[in-house]
């Protein structure tokens, strides 16, 4: 399974359970990273059924990128 970093425009491949490549993962604020890991459920990348809490955390990451992330 090919999975790329969730950072807009990044095409680096990462393991399916990872949100993104190390560079972009560590660009996110720690609280957002912690929320993503706290709400991650082992196997959600396989069954494609992440929790709403995980989806909310992932959306907070995208919102942060749009307002404060590198351009």
N, C-alpha and C. Protein backbone atom coordinates (compact mmCIF):
# COMPACT_ATOMS: atom_id res chain seq x y z
N UNK A 1 0.84 -1.18 0.00
CA UNK A 1 0.00 0.00 0.00
C UNK A 1 0.88 1.24 0.00
N UNK A 2 0.66 2.14 -0.91
CA UNK A 2 1.42 3.39 -0.98
C UNK A 2 0.65 4.45 -0.22
N UNK A 3 1.36 5.14 0.63
CA UNK A 3 0.77 6.22 1.42
C UNK A 3 1.76 7.37 1.42
N UNK A 4 1.28 8.55 1.13
CA UNK A 4 2.17 9.71 1.15
C UNK A 4 1.84 10.60 2.34
N UNK A 5 2.78 11.43 2.68
CA UNK A 5 2.65 12.41 3.75
C UNK A 5 1.37 13.22 3.54
N UNK A 6 0.69 13.53 4.63
CA UNK A 6 -0.55 14.31 4.55
C UNK A 6 -0.32 15.81 4.40
N UNK A 7 0.92 16.24 4.42
CA UNK A 7 1.21 17.66 4.23
C UNK A 7 0.91 18.00 2.77
N UNK A 8 0.12 19.02 2.52
CA UNK A 8 -0.23 19.37 1.14
C UNK A 8 1.01 19.55 0.25
N UNK A 9 1.03 18.85 -0.85
CA UNK A 9 2.11 18.95 -1.82
C UNK A 9 3.29 18.04 -1.57
N UNK A 10 3.36 17.41 -0.40
CA UNK A 10 4.48 16.50 -0.11
C UNK A 10 4.17 15.13 -0.70
N UNK A 11 5.09 14.60 -1.45
CA UNK A 11 4.90 13.30 -2.09
C UNK A 11 5.77 12.20 -1.47
N UNK A 12 6.36 12.50 -0.31
CA UNK A 12 7.20 11.49 0.33
C UNK A 12 6.33 10.33 0.82
N UNK A 13 6.78 9.12 0.54
CA UNK A 13 6.06 7.93 0.99
C UNK A 13 6.41 7.66 2.45
N UNK A 14 5.39 7.29 3.21
CA UNK A 14 5.55 6.96 4.63
C UNK A 14 4.75 5.68 4.91
N UNK A 15 5.07 4.97 6.00
CA UNK A 15 4.27 3.79 6.35
C UNK A 15 2.80 4.20 6.54
N UNK A 16 1.86 3.35 6.17
CA UNK A 16 0.44 3.70 6.24
C UNK A 16 -0.04 4.19 7.60
N UNK A 17 0.57 3.71 8.70
CA UNK A 17 0.11 4.14 10.02
C UNK A 17 0.63 5.52 10.41
N UNK A 18 1.53 6.09 9.62
CA UNK A 18 2.12 7.38 9.94
C UNK A 18 1.35 8.51 9.26
N UNK A 19 1.19 9.62 9.96
CA UNK A 19 0.51 10.78 9.40
C UNK A 19 1.32 11.40 8.27
N UNK A 20 2.63 11.52 8.50
CA UNK A 20 3.44 12.19 7.50
C UNK A 20 4.92 11.89 7.65
N UNK A 21 5.68 12.50 6.77
CA UNK A 21 7.13 12.33 6.79
C UNK A 21 7.68 13.03 8.04
N UNK A 22 8.86 12.64 8.49
CA UNK A 22 9.41 13.24 9.70
C UNK A 22 9.49 14.77 9.65
N UNK A 23 9.90 15.31 8.54
CA UNK A 23 10.02 16.78 8.43
C UNK A 23 8.70 17.46 8.72
N UNK A 24 7.64 17.00 8.09
CA UNK A 24 6.36 17.66 8.26
C UNK A 24 5.67 17.28 9.57
N UNK A 25 5.85 16.06 10.03
CA UNK A 25 5.30 15.65 11.31
C UNK A 25 5.83 16.55 12.42
N UNK A 26 7.13 16.79 12.43
CA UNK A 26 7.72 17.60 13.49
C UNK A 26 7.55 19.10 13.27
N UNK A 27 6.99 19.48 12.13
CA UNK A 27 6.63 20.89 11.91
C UNK A 27 5.31 21.20 12.63
N UNK A 28 4.46 20.19 12.76
CA UNK A 28 3.19 20.39 13.47
C UNK A 28 3.45 20.68 14.95
N UNK A 29 2.60 21.49 15.56
CA UNK A 29 2.74 21.71 17.01
C UNK A 29 2.58 20.39 17.77
N UNK A 30 3.28 20.27 18.88
CA UNK A 30 3.25 19.04 19.67
C UNK A 30 1.83 18.67 20.07
N UNK A 31 1.00 19.61 20.42
CA UNK A 31 -0.37 19.29 20.84
C UNK A 31 -1.14 18.60 19.71
N UNK A 32 -0.97 19.05 18.49
CA UNK A 32 -1.64 18.41 17.36
C UNK A 32 -1.09 17.01 17.14
N UNK A 33 0.24 16.86 17.21
CA UNK A 33 0.83 15.53 17.08
C UNK A 33 0.32 14.59 18.16
N UNK A 34 0.26 15.09 19.39
CA UNK A 34 -0.24 14.28 20.49
C UNK A 34 -1.69 13.87 20.27
N UNK A 35 -2.51 14.79 19.76
CA UNK A 35 -3.92 14.49 19.51
C UNK A 35 -4.06 13.42 18.42
N UNK A 36 -3.24 13.51 17.40
CA UNK A 36 -3.29 12.50 16.32
C UNK A 36 -2.94 11.13 16.88
N UNK A 37 -1.85 11.04 17.67
CA UNK A 37 -1.46 9.74 18.23
C UNK A 37 -2.46 9.25 19.25
N UNK A 38 -3.02 10.14 20.07
CA UNK A 38 -3.97 9.74 21.11
C UNK A 38 -5.23 9.14 20.50
N UNK A 39 -5.63 9.64 19.34
CA UNK A 39 -6.87 9.18 18.72
C UNK A 39 -6.66 8.11 17.64
N UNK A 40 -5.40 7.81 17.34
CA UNK A 40 -5.09 6.76 16.37
C UNK A 40 -5.46 5.40 16.95
N UNK A 41 -6.07 4.56 16.14
CA UNK A 41 -6.41 3.18 16.53
C UNK A 41 -5.62 2.23 15.64
N UNK A 42 -4.88 1.33 16.26
CA UNK A 42 -4.10 0.36 15.51
C UNK A 42 -5.00 -0.36 14.50
N UNK A 43 -4.61 -0.35 13.25
CA UNK A 43 -5.35 -1.02 12.20
C UNK A 43 -6.31 -0.14 11.42
N UNK A 44 -6.49 1.10 11.84
CA UNK A 44 -7.44 1.97 11.11
C UNK A 44 -6.98 2.23 9.68
N UNK A 45 -5.68 2.14 9.46
CA UNK A 45 -5.17 2.34 8.10
C UNK A 45 -5.45 1.13 7.21
N UNK A 46 -5.80 0.02 7.83
CA UNK A 46 -6.12 -1.19 7.08
C UNK A 46 -7.63 -1.28 6.80
N UNK A 47 -8.42 -1.06 7.86
CA UNK A 47 -9.88 -1.19 7.67
C UNK A 47 -10.55 0.09 7.18
N UNK A 48 -9.78 1.18 7.14
CA UNK A 48 -10.27 2.46 6.62
C UNK A 48 -11.45 3.01 7.44
N UNK A 49 -11.42 2.78 8.77
CA UNK A 49 -12.47 3.29 9.65
C UNK A 49 -11.87 4.04 10.84
N UNK A 50 -11.20 5.17 10.57
CA UNK A 50 -10.68 5.95 11.69
C UNK A 50 -11.84 6.56 12.48
N UNK A 51 -11.62 6.82 13.74
CA UNK A 51 -12.65 7.42 14.58
C UNK A 51 -12.88 8.87 14.17
N UNK A 52 -14.01 9.39 14.58
CA UNK A 52 -14.30 10.81 14.33
C UNK A 52 -13.28 11.68 15.05
N UNK A 53 -12.85 11.24 16.22
CA UNK A 53 -11.84 11.99 16.98
C UNK A 53 -10.53 12.08 16.21
N UNK A 54 -10.15 10.99 15.57
CA UNK A 54 -8.93 11.01 14.76
C UNK A 54 -9.11 11.95 13.57
N UNK A 55 -10.25 11.85 12.92
CA UNK A 55 -10.52 12.73 11.77
C UNK A 55 -10.50 14.19 12.19
N UNK A 56 -11.04 14.49 13.37
CA UNK A 56 -11.01 15.86 13.88
C UNK A 56 -9.59 16.32 14.13
N UNK A 57 -8.76 15.45 14.72
CA UNK A 57 -7.36 15.80 14.97
C UNK A 57 -6.62 16.03 13.66
N UNK A 58 -6.86 15.17 12.67
CA UNK A 58 -6.23 15.32 11.36
C UNK A 58 -6.68 16.62 10.69
N UNK A 59 -7.93 16.99 10.88
CA UNK A 59 -8.43 18.24 10.32
C UNK A 59 -7.79 19.45 11.01
N UNK A 60 -7.58 19.35 12.32
CA UNK A 60 -6.88 20.43 13.03
C UNK A 60 -5.48 20.62 12.46
N UNK A 61 -4.83 19.51 12.10
CA UNK A 61 -3.51 19.61 11.49
C UNK A 61 -3.60 20.36 10.16
N UNK A 62 -4.57 20.01 9.34
CA UNK A 62 -4.71 20.69 8.04
C UNK A 62 -5.06 22.16 8.23
N UNK A 63 -5.90 22.47 9.19
CA UNK A 63 -6.26 23.87 9.47
C UNK A 63 -5.03 24.65 9.91
N UNK A 64 -4.21 24.04 10.77
CA UNK A 64 -3.00 24.71 11.23
C UNK A 64 -2.06 24.96 10.05
N UNK A 65 -1.91 23.97 9.19
CA UNK A 65 -1.03 24.12 8.03
C UNK A 65 -1.50 25.29 7.17
N UNK A 66 -2.80 25.41 6.95
CA UNK A 66 -3.33 26.50 6.11
C UNK A 66 -3.07 27.87 6.70
N UNK A 67 -3.08 27.98 8.03
CA UNK A 67 -2.92 29.30 8.65
C UNK A 67 -1.51 29.62 9.12
N UNK A 68 -0.77 28.60 9.53
CA UNK A 68 0.54 28.86 10.13
C UNK A 68 1.69 28.07 9.53
N UNK A 69 1.39 27.08 8.76
CA UNK A 69 2.43 26.22 8.21
C UNK A 69 3.28 26.93 7.16
N UNK A 70 4.39 26.31 6.83
CA UNK A 70 5.26 26.87 5.80
C UNK A 70 4.52 26.89 4.48
N UNK A 71 4.80 27.85 3.69
CA UNK A 71 4.13 28.02 2.40
C UNK A 71 4.92 27.37 1.30
